[in-house]
Amino acid sequence: MFGTFGVMEMVILFLIVLVIFGAKKLPQLGRGMGEGIRNFKTGLKDDKPEIEESTEAK
């Protein structure tokens, strides 16, 4: 429907984000997104033993 997401589209997207947030906010934005992803992955790993225990109890 939309086609492929190539290099040119990524450059345009980066420029739009740069204009919206500014050059000074980009490192903070990237750091915040990285921490969010890391916390999400940690949360998934922490829940895995609980899920396995509940399926074994049945």
N, C-alpha and C. Protein backbone atom coordinates (compact mmCIF):
# COMPACT_ATOMS: atom_id res chain seq x y z
N MET A 1 0.82 -1.19 0.00
CA MET A 1 0.00 0.00 0.00
C MET A 1 0.87 1.26 0.00
N PHE A 2 1.81 1.35 0.94
CA PHE A 2 2.66 2.53 1.02
C PHE A 2 3.99 2.35 0.32
N GLY A 3 4.36 1.13 -0.02
CA GLY A 3 5.64 0.89 -0.67
C GLY A 3 6.73 0.61 0.34
N THR A 4 7.96 0.72 -0.10
CA THR A 4 9.09 0.41 0.77
C THR A 4 9.54 1.66 1.52
N PHE A 5 10.22 1.43 2.61
CA PHE A 5 10.75 2.51 3.44
C PHE A 5 12.24 2.55 3.20
N GLY A 6 12.69 3.44 2.32
CA GLY A 6 14.08 3.49 1.91
C GLY A 6 14.87 4.57 2.63
N VAL A 7 16.06 4.79 2.10
CA VAL A 7 16.99 5.76 2.70
C VAL A 7 16.43 7.18 2.60
N MET A 8 15.86 7.52 1.47
CA MET A 8 15.35 8.87 1.29
C MET A 8 14.21 9.18 2.27
N GLU A 9 13.36 8.21 2.49
CA GLU A 9 12.26 8.41 3.44
C GLU A 9 12.80 8.58 4.86
N MET A 10 13.83 7.81 5.20
CA MET A 10 14.43 7.94 6.54
C MET A 10 15.08 9.31 6.73
N VAL A 11 15.71 9.83 5.70
CA VAL A 11 16.33 11.16 5.77
C VAL A 11 15.26 12.22 5.96
N ILE A 12 14.17 12.11 5.22
CA ILE A 12 13.08 13.08 5.34
C ILE A 12 12.47 13.01 6.74
N LEU A 13 12.27 11.81 7.25
CA LEU A 13 11.73 11.64 8.60
C LEU A 13 12.66 12.24 9.64
N PHE A 14 13.96 12.02 9.50
CA PHE A 14 14.94 12.59 10.43
C PHE A 14 14.90 14.12 10.39
N LEU A 15 14.78 14.70 9.21
CA LEU A 15 14.72 16.15 9.10
C LEU A 15 13.46 16.71 9.75
N ILE A 16 12.35 16.02 9.60
CA ILE A 16 11.11 16.46 10.24
C ILE A 16 11.25 16.42 11.76
N VAL A 17 11.82 15.33 12.28
CA VAL A 17 12.03 15.21 13.73
C VAL A 17 13.00 16.29 14.21
N LEU A 18 14.02 16.58 13.43
CA LEU A 18 14.99 17.62 13.78
C LEU A 18 14.33 18.98 13.86
N VAL A 19 13.44 19.27 12.93
CA VAL A 19 12.75 20.56 12.94
C VAL A 19 11.79 20.65 14.13
N ILE A 20 11.10 19.56 14.43
CA ILE A 20 10.11 19.58 15.51
C ILE A 20 10.78 19.70 16.87
N PHE A 21 11.79 18.87 17.13
CA PHE A 21 12.38 18.82 18.46
C PHE A 21 13.63 19.68 18.62
N GLY A 22 14.32 19.97 17.56
CA GLY A 22 15.54 20.76 17.65
C GLY A 22 16.75 19.88 17.90
N ALA A 23 17.92 20.38 17.56
CA ALA A 23 19.15 19.60 17.66
C ALA A 23 19.55 19.32 19.10
N LYS A 24 19.21 20.19 20.03
CA LYS A 24 19.60 20.00 21.43
C LYS A 24 18.77 18.93 22.11
N LYS A 25 17.54 18.70 21.66
CA LYS A 25 16.66 17.73 22.30
C LYS A 25 16.82 16.33 21.74
N LEU A 26 17.44 16.15 20.57
CA LEU A 26 17.55 14.83 19.97
C LEU A 26 18.30 13.82 20.83
N PRO A 27 19.45 14.16 21.44
CA PRO A 27 20.11 13.17 22.31
C PRO A 27 19.25 12.75 23.49
N GLN A 28 18.53 13.70 24.09
CA GLN A 28 17.64 13.37 25.20
C GLN A 28 16.50 12.47 24.74
N LEU A 29 15.97 12.75 23.56
CA LEU A 29 14.89 11.95 23.01
C LEU A 29 15.36 10.53 22.73
N GLY A 30 16.53 10.39 22.14
CA GLY A 30 17.08 9.07 21.87
C GLY A 30 17.38 8.29 23.14
N ARG A 31 17.93 8.97 24.14
CA ARG A 31 18.23 8.33 25.42
C ARG A 31 16.95 7.86 26.09
N GLY A 32 15.93 8.68 26.06
CA GLY A 32 14.65 8.32 26.66
C GLY A 32 14.01 7.13 25.97
N MET A 33 14.08 7.09 24.64
CA MET A 33 13.53 5.96 23.90
C MET A 33 14.31 4.69 24.19
N GLY A 34 15.63 4.80 24.29
CA GLY A 34 16.46 3.64 24.61
C GLY A 34 16.15 3.08 25.98
N GLU A 35 15.98 3.95 26.96
CA GLU A 35 15.64 3.50 28.31
C GLU A 35 14.27 2.84 28.34
N GLY A 36 13.34 3.40 27.58
CA GLY A 36 12.00 2.81 27.52
C GLY A 36 12.01 1.42 26.92
N ILE A 37 12.76 1.24 25.85
CA ILE A 37 12.87 -0.08 25.21
C ILE A 37 13.56 -1.06 26.15
N ARG A 38 14.62 -0.61 26.83
CA ARG A 38 15.35 -1.47 27.75
C ARG A 38 14.45 -1.90 28.90
N ASN A 39 13.66 -0.98 29.44
CA ASN A 39 12.74 -1.32 30.54
C ASN A 39 11.65 -2.28 30.07
N PHE A 40 11.19 -2.11 28.86
CA PHE A 40 10.17 -3.00 28.31
C PHE A 40 10.71 -4.41 28.17
N LYS A 41 11.93 -4.54 27.64
CA LYS A 41 12.54 -5.87 27.49
C LYS A 41 12.79 -6.51 28.85
N THR A 42 13.24 -5.72 29.82
CA THR A 42 13.46 -6.24 31.17
C THR A 42 12.14 -6.73 31.77
N GLY A 43 11.09 -5.97 31.55
CA GLY A 43 9.77 -6.37 32.05
C GLY A 43 9.30 -7.67 31.43
N LEU A 44 9.57 -7.86 30.15
CA LEU A 44 9.18 -9.11 29.50
C LEU A 44 9.97 -10.29 30.05
N LYS A 45 11.24 -10.09 30.32
CA LYS A 45 12.06 -11.18 30.87
C LYS A 45 11.63 -11.52 32.29
N ASP A 46 11.25 -10.52 33.08
CA ASP A 46 10.83 -10.75 34.46
C ASP A 46 9.50 -11.50 34.52
N ASP A 47 8.62 -11.29 33.58
CA ASP A 47 7.31 -11.94 33.59
C ASP A 47 7.35 -13.37 33.06
N LYS A 48 8.39 -13.72 32.34
CA LYS A 48 8.44 -15.04 31.71
C LYS A 48 8.39 -16.19 32.71
N PRO A 49 9.15 -16.18 33.83
CA PRO A 49 9.04 -17.30 34.78
C PRO A 49 7.65 -17.43 35.39
N GLU A 50 6.97 -16.32 35.64
CA GLU A 50 5.63 -16.37 36.20
C GLU A 50 4.66 -17.03 35.22
N ILE A 51 4.81 -16.73 33.95
CA ILE A 51 3.93 -17.31 32.94
C ILE A 51 4.19 -18.80 32.83
N GLU A 52 5.46 -19.22 32.85
CA GLU A 52 5.80 -20.63 32.76
C GLU A 52 5.28 -21.40 33.96
N GLU A 53 5.37 -20.80 35.16
CA GLU A 53 4.88 -21.45 36.37
C GLU A 53 3.35 -21.64 36.31
N SER A 54 2.66 -20.64 35.81
CA SER A 54 1.20 -20.74 35.78
C SER A 54 0.73 -21.76 34.75
N THR A 55 1.47 -21.96 33.66
CA THR A 55 1.08 -22.96 32.67
C THR A 55 1.42 -24.36 33.15
N GLU A 56 2.47 -24.51 33.95
CA GLU A 56 2.85 -25.83 34.48
C GLU A 56 1.89 -26.27 35.57
N ALA A 57 1.27 -25.35 36.29
CA ALA A 57 0.39 -25.69 37.39
C ALA A 57 -0.93 -26.30 36.90
N LYS A 58 -1.30 -26.08 35.67
CA LYS A 58 -2.56 -26.58 35.13
C LYS A 58 -2.51 -28.03 34.92
